[in-house]
Amino acid sequence: MNNSRRALIGEIKDSLDEIRDRIDEVREEEQESYDNLPESFQEAEQGEKMQSVIDTLDEAMSSIDEVPEYLDTAAA
């Protein structure tokens, strides 16, 4: 792989960091909203949906965390 493609991979990794941070912001806001619900609402359908969203955003961030390793392997 040449240097310009390696540089492009570096830019992609930077973009992934920004995307992950933005997802984390949304997840934190959703978590805060969930935490501020009364317990009875947390256990209701709406609370379960919110928790599912939080879990899904956690999974998305975990997936993004894996991508740089693949990119590093490709750039090696």
C-alpha atoms as a PDB file:
ATOM      1  CA  MET A   1       0.000   0.000   0.000  1.00  0.00           C
ATOM      2  CA  ASN A   2       1.370   3.384  -0.900  1.00  0.00           C
ATOM      3  CA  ASN A   3       1.654   6.392   1.390  1.00  0.00           C
ATOM      4  CA  SER A   4      -1.354   8.251  -0.017  1.00  0.00           C
ATOM      5  CA  ARG A   5      -3.633   5.284   0.670  1.00  0.00           C
ATOM      6  CA  ARG A   6      -2.135   4.943   4.157  1.00  0.00           C
ATOM      7  CA  ALA A   7      -2.858   8.626   4.729  1.00  0.00           C
ATOM      8  CA  LEU A   8      -6.427   8.074   3.564  1.00  0.00           C
ATOM      9  CA  ILE A   9      -6.787   5.248   6.074  1.00  0.00           C
ATOM     10  CA  GLY A  10      -5.563   7.641   8.768  1.00  0.00           C
ATOM     11  CA  GLU A  11      -8.242  10.140   7.743  1.00  0.00           C
ATOM     12  CA  ILE A  12     -10.881   7.408   7.835  1.00  0.00           C
ATOM     13  CA  LYS A  13      -9.782   6.442  11.357  1.00  0.00           C
ATOM     14  CA  ASP A  14     -10.091  10.082  12.438  1.00  0.00           C
ATOM     15  CA  SER A  15     -13.585  10.217  10.948  1.00  0.00           C
ATOM     16  CA  LEU A  16     -14.512   7.031  12.789  1.00  0.00           C
ATOM     17  CA  ASP A  17     -13.394   8.618  16.064  1.00  0.00           C
ATOM     18  CA  GLU A  18     -15.662  11.592  15.389  1.00  0.00           C
ATOM     19  CA  ILE A  19     -18.587   9.351  14.479  1.00  0.00           C
ATOM     20  CA  ARG A  20     -18.085   7.247  17.604  1.00  0.00           C
ATOM     21  CA  ASP A  21     -18.021  10.388  19.741  1.00  0.00           C
ATOM     22  CA  ARG A  22     -21.272  11.601  18.190  1.00  0.00           C
ATOM     23  CA  ILE A  23     -22.950   8.237  18.781  1.00  0.00           C
ATOM     24  CA  ASP A  24     -21.714   8.326  22.369  1.00  0.00           C
ATOM     25  CA  GLU A  25     -23.264  11.777  22.843  1.00  0.00           C
ATOM     26  CA  VAL A  26     -26.630  10.466  21.647  1.00  0.00           C
ATOM     27  CA  ARG A  27     -26.302   7.396  23.866  1.00  0.00           C
ATOM     28  CA  GLU A  28     -25.464   9.518  26.897  1.00  0.00           C
ATOM     29  CA  GLU A  29     -28.461  11.784  26.263  1.00  0.00           C
ATOM     30  CA  GLU A  30     -30.741   8.763  25.902  1.00  0.00           C
ATOM     31  CA  GLN A  31     -29.288   7.228  29.075  1.00  0.00           C
ATOM     32  CA  GLU A  32     -29.839  10.466  30.962  1.00  0.00           C
ATOM     33  CA  SER A  33     -33.434  10.633  29.747  1.00  0.00           C
ATOM     34  CA  TYR A  34     -33.981   7.027  30.779  1.00  0.00           C
ATOM     35  CA  ASP A  35     -32.397   7.599  34.190  1.00  0.00           C
ATOM     36  CA  ASN A  36     -34.687  10.581  34.776  1.00  0.00           C
ATOM     37  CA  LEU A  37     -37.823   8.528  34.159  1.00  0.00           C
ATOM     38  CA  PRO A  38     -39.740   7.351  37.191  1.00  0.00           C
ATOM     39  CA  GLU A  39     -39.051   3.687  37.868  1.00  0.00           C
ATOM     40  CA  SER A  40     -42.569   2.730  36.837  1.00  0.00           C
ATOM     41  CA  PHE A  41     -41.972   4.260  33.385  1.00  0.00           C
ATOM     42  CA  GLN A  42     -38.544   2.622  33.104  1.00  0.00           C
ATOM     43  CA  GLU A  43     -40.217  -0.744  33.484  1.00  0.00           C
ATOM     44  CA  ALA A  44     -42.975   0.125  31.004  1.00  0.00           C
ATOM     45  CA  GLU A  45     -42.824  -0.298  27.227  1.00  0.00           C
ATOM     46  CA  GLN A  46     -41.331   3.154  26.610  1.00  0.00           C
ATOM     47  CA  GLY A  47     -38.541   2.524  29.101  1.00  0.00           C
ATOM     48  CA  GLU A  48     -37.810  -0.850  27.546  1.00  0.00           C
ATOM     49  CA  LYS A  49     -37.585   0.778  24.115  1.00  0.00           C
ATOM     50  CA  MET A  50     -35.203   3.405  25.448  1.00  0.00           C
ATOM     51  CA  GLN A  51     -33.003   0.736  27.033  1.00  0.00           C
ATOM     52  CA  SER A  52     -32.984  -1.165  23.754  1.00  0.00           C
ATOM     53  CA  VAL A  53     -31.805   1.987  21.949  1.00  0.00           C
ATOM     54  CA  ILE A  54     -29.052   2.479  24.532  1.00  0.00           C
ATOM     55  CA  ASP A  55     -27.922  -1.130  24.113  1.00  0.00           C
ATOM     56  CA  THR A  56     -27.946  -0.834  20.326  1.00  0.00           C
ATOM     57  CA  LEU A  57     -25.871   2.359  20.437  1.00  0.00           C
ATOM     58  CA  ASP A  58     -23.391   0.598  22.749  1.00  0.00           C
ATOM     59  CA  GLU A  59     -23.101  -2.190  20.181  1.00  0.00           C
ATOM     60  CA  ALA A  60     -22.577   0.332  17.389  1.00  0.00           C
ATOM     61  CA  MET A  61     -19.746   1.967  19.318  1.00  0.00           C
ATOM     62  CA  SER A  62     -18.159  -1.415  20.004  1.00  0.00           C
ATOM     63  CA  SER A  63     -18.298  -2.243  16.310  1.00  0.00           C
ATOM     64  CA  ILE A  64     -16.674   1.063  15.413  1.00  0.00           C
ATOM     65  CA  ASP A  65     -13.941   0.359  17.982  1.00  0.00           C
ATOM     66  CA  GLU A  66     -12.983  -2.762  16.016  1.00  0.00           C
ATOM     67  CA  VAL A  67     -12.617  -1.079  12.617  1.00  0.00           C
ATOM     68  CA  PRO A  68      -9.263   0.682  13.235  1.00  0.00           C
ATOM     69  CA  GLU A  69      -7.612  -2.688  13.903  1.00  0.00           C
ATOM     70  CA  TYR A  70      -8.718  -3.896  10.480  1.00  0.00           C
ATOM     71  CA  LEU A  71      -7.546  -0.691   8.867  1.00  0.00           C
ATOM     72  CA  ASP A  72      -4.164  -0.964  10.601  1.00  0.00           C
ATOM     73  CA  THR A  73      -3.803  -4.512   9.306  1.00  0.00           C
ATOM     74  CA  ALA A  74      -4.660  -3.368   5.794  1.00  0.00           C
ATOM     75  CA  ALA A  75      -2.164  -0.502   5.972  1.00  0.00           C
ATOM     76  CA  ALA A  76       0.682  -2.682   7.272  1.00  0.00           C
END
